[in-house]
Amino acid sequence: MTTKVMMGFVSAILCSLVACSAAEPTPTPTSECQLHDAALGLSVARTTVRRGEQLTVTVYLSNTGCARLGLPEYRLFVIPEEGGEPLDPVYPASVVHSLAVAPGDGDSAEFTLRAAEAGLVRLEASVSFEAHLGYPGPAYWASCAAEEGIVVRVEP
């Protein structure tokens, strides 16, 4: 093969590569989902416990919208209303789930507390998550809180 033919061949290849990269990208469909919608609740098996007993609190997330909710991070707030610190720990560690909650589905996290001393305490919860409006596609961080807390009495 002569140098002239070889240069022509290389030039043709380069031109085809440039033409391909200059082509318009294929548009991705726009998601009809514009915003997330979610609900958060919490429950306990009983609202009165004796000192030394354990109390399990369940926080549940319902995806009521069209966006996927990724990486939910659950937080439980223990707010003493009467007495010292009736439940332990006072600042429970957050719980993160490495998953995405699809529209119409739900997820939950459990917190285990110990009744430490007599008193009254209010439990509240929140969750933060990534709201995905398509994949790949736009996403943003959002959060929601349980509409109602639960009051728990710790007896001696």
Foldseek 3Di string as FASTA:
>chain_A
DDPVVVVVVVVVVVVVVVVVVPDDDDDDDAFPFDDWDKAKDKDWPDQEAEAFDKTKMKIKMAGQGQWKWAFKKKFKAKAFDWDDRQKPPRGDDIDTDGDIAGHGGMDMDMDMIGGHDWGKIKMWMKIKTWTDRDVVDDIDIDMDIHPGIGMHGYHD
